[in-house]
Amino acid sequence: MYAEPTVEVPKLQLPADLVAEVSRRGTARPDFRVEGWKPTLFERLARLLGLV
């Protein structure tokens, strides 16, 4: 019988302060809103529809 090859997976060692920062920021929801674009987008749509 052939011996099964074993592969050791190296473990990633991260600094404790980095891990703490990621876990702290991971609970917040990301904010992808762009408030400045909203009026422009609605204005362009209204112009396309002939409402303005």
N, C-alpha and C. Protein backbone atom coordinates (compact mmCIF):
# COMPACT_ATOMS: atom_id res chain seq x y z
N MET A 1 0.84 -1.18 0.00
CA MET A 1 0.00 0.00 0.00
C MET A 1 0.88 1.24 0.00
N TYR A 2 0.33 2.28 -0.58
CA TYR A 2 1.05 3.53 -0.63
C TYR A 2 0.76 4.35 0.63
N ALA A 3 1.74 5.09 1.04
CA ALA A 3 1.54 5.98 2.19
C ALA A 3 0.81 7.24 1.73
N GLU A 4 -0.14 7.69 2.50
CA GLU A 4 -0.88 8.90 2.15
C GLU A 4 -0.02 10.12 2.44
N PRO A 5 0.09 11.02 1.47
CA PRO A 5 0.89 12.22 1.70
C PRO A 5 0.18 13.14 2.71
N THR A 6 0.93 13.72 3.57
CA THR A 6 0.37 14.66 4.54
C THR A 6 0.92 16.05 4.25
N VAL A 7 0.04 17.00 4.29
CA VAL A 7 0.42 18.38 4.04
C VAL A 7 0.05 19.18 5.29
N GLU A 8 1.04 19.84 5.84
CA GLU A 8 0.77 20.67 7.01
C GLU A 8 0.40 22.08 6.52
N VAL A 9 -0.70 22.57 6.99
CA VAL A 9 -1.17 23.89 6.62
C VAL A 9 -0.59 24.88 7.62
N PRO A 10 0.18 25.86 7.14
CA PRO A 10 0.74 26.84 8.08
C PRO A 10 -0.35 27.72 8.66
N LYS A 11 -0.22 28.06 9.92
CA LYS A 11 -1.21 28.91 10.58
C LYS A 11 -0.76 30.36 10.47
N LEU A 12 -1.71 31.20 10.21
CA LEU A 12 -1.44 32.62 10.05
C LEU A 12 -1.36 33.27 11.42
N GLN A 13 -0.27 33.93 11.70
CA GLN A 13 -0.07 34.61 12.98
C GLN A 13 -0.29 36.10 12.79
N LEU A 14 -1.40 36.61 13.32
CA LEU A 14 -1.72 38.02 13.22
C LEU A 14 -1.48 38.70 14.56
N PRO A 15 -1.07 39.97 14.52
CA PRO A 15 -0.89 40.70 15.78
C PRO A 15 -2.22 40.82 16.53
N ALA A 16 -2.17 40.80 17.85
CA ALA A 16 -3.38 40.83 18.66
C ALA A 16 -4.16 42.13 18.47
N ASP A 17 -3.46 43.26 18.28
CA ASP A 17 -4.18 44.52 18.10
C ASP A 17 -4.94 44.55 16.78
N LEU A 18 -4.41 43.91 15.75
CA LEU A 18 -5.10 43.84 14.47
C LEU A 18 -6.35 42.98 14.57
N VAL A 19 -6.25 41.85 15.25
CA VAL A 19 -7.40 40.97 15.43
C VAL A 19 -8.47 41.68 16.24
N ALA A 20 -8.08 42.41 17.27
CA ALA A 20 -9.05 43.14 18.09
C ALA A 20 -9.75 44.23 17.27
N GLU A 21 -9.02 44.92 16.41
CA GLU A 21 -9.60 45.98 15.60
C GLU A 21 -10.59 45.42 14.59
N VAL A 22 -10.27 44.31 13.98
CA VAL A 22 -11.16 43.69 13.00
C VAL A 22 -12.43 43.21 13.69
N SER A 23 -12.30 42.59 14.85
CA SER A 23 -13.49 42.11 15.54
C SER A 23 -14.34 43.28 16.03
N ARG A 24 -13.72 44.39 16.39
CA ARG A 24 -14.47 45.56 16.85
C ARG A 24 -15.22 46.20 15.69
N ARG A 25 -14.57 46.34 14.55
CA ARG A 25 -15.20 46.97 13.39
C ARG A 25 -16.14 46.02 12.65
N GLY A 26 -16.02 44.74 12.85
CA GLY A 26 -16.86 43.78 12.14
C GLY A 26 -18.31 43.82 12.54
N THR A 27 -18.63 44.41 13.68
CA THR A 27 -20.02 44.44 14.13
C THR A 27 -20.81 45.58 13.50
N ALA A 28 -20.15 46.60 12.99
CA ALA A 28 -20.84 47.74 12.39
C ALA A 28 -21.27 47.42 10.96
N ARG A 29 -22.42 47.97 10.57
CA ARG A 29 -22.87 47.81 9.19
C ARG A 29 -22.10 48.76 8.30
N PRO A 30 -21.68 48.32 7.13
CA PRO A 30 -20.99 49.23 6.22
C PRO A 30 -21.97 50.27 5.67
N ASP A 31 -21.50 51.48 5.48
CA ASP A 31 -22.33 52.56 4.99
C ASP A 31 -21.92 52.87 3.55
N PHE A 32 -22.71 52.39 2.60
CA PHE A 32 -22.39 52.58 1.19
C PHE A 32 -23.25 53.67 0.55
N ARG A 33 -23.97 54.43 1.35
CA ARG A 33 -24.83 55.47 0.79
C ARG A 33 -23.99 56.66 0.34
N VAL A 34 -24.41 57.24 -0.76
CA VAL A 34 -23.78 58.46 -1.25
C VAL A 34 -24.89 59.49 -1.35
N GLU A 35 -24.99 60.32 -0.34
CA GLU A 35 -26.10 61.26 -0.26
C GLU A 35 -26.06 62.31 -1.37
N GLY A 36 -24.88 62.68 -1.83
CA GLY A 36 -24.76 63.73 -2.82
C GLY A 36 -25.28 63.34 -4.19
N TRP A 37 -25.35 62.06 -4.49
CA TRP A 37 -25.78 61.63 -5.81
C TRP A 37 -27.29 61.52 -5.93
N LYS A 38 -27.99 61.42 -4.85
CA LYS A 38 -29.43 61.16 -4.91
C LYS A 38 -30.21 62.24 -5.65
N PRO A 39 -30.05 63.51 -5.33
CA PRO A 39 -30.83 64.52 -6.06
C PRO A 39 -30.48 64.55 -7.54
N THR A 40 -29.22 64.38 -7.89
CA THR A 40 -28.82 64.40 -9.28
C THR A 40 -29.44 63.23 -10.04
N LEU A 41 -29.45 62.06 -9.44
CA LEU A 41 -30.02 60.89 -10.09
C LEU A 41 -31.52 61.08 -10.33
N PHE A 42 -32.23 61.57 -9.31
CA PHE A 42 -33.67 61.78 -9.48
C PHE A 42 -33.96 62.89 -10.49
N GLU A 43 -33.11 63.90 -10.51
CA GLU A 43 -33.30 64.98 -11.48
C GLU A 43 -33.10 64.47 -12.89
N ARG A 44 -32.09 63.64 -13.10
CA ARG A 44 -31.86 63.09 -14.45
C ARG A 44 -33.01 62.19 -14.89
N LEU A 45 -33.51 61.35 -13.95
CA LEU A 45 -34.64 60.50 -14.30
C LEU A 45 -35.88 61.32 -14.63
N ALA A 46 -36.10 62.39 -13.88
CA ALA A 46 -37.26 63.24 -14.14
C ALA A 46 -37.11 63.91 -15.51
N ARG A 47 -35.90 64.33 -15.87
CA ARG A 47 -35.69 64.94 -17.19
C ARG A 47 -35.94 63.92 -18.31
N LEU A 48 -35.49 62.68 -18.09
CA LEU A 48 -35.72 61.66 -19.10
C LEU A 48 -37.21 61.40 -19.30
N LEU A 49 -37.95 61.46 -18.22
CA LEU A 49 -39.38 61.21 -18.30
C LEU A 49 -40.19 62.45 -18.68
N GLY A 50 -39.50 63.59 -18.80
CA GLY A 50 -40.17 64.83 -19.19
C GLY A 50 -40.95 65.48 -18.06
N LEU A 51 -40.60 65.18 -16.84
CA LEU A 51 -41.33 65.75 -15.70
C LEU A 51 -40.76 67.10 -15.25
N VAL A 52 -39.58 67.44 -15.72
CA VAL A 52 -38.96 68.72 -15.31
C VAL A 52 -38.73 69.56 -16.52
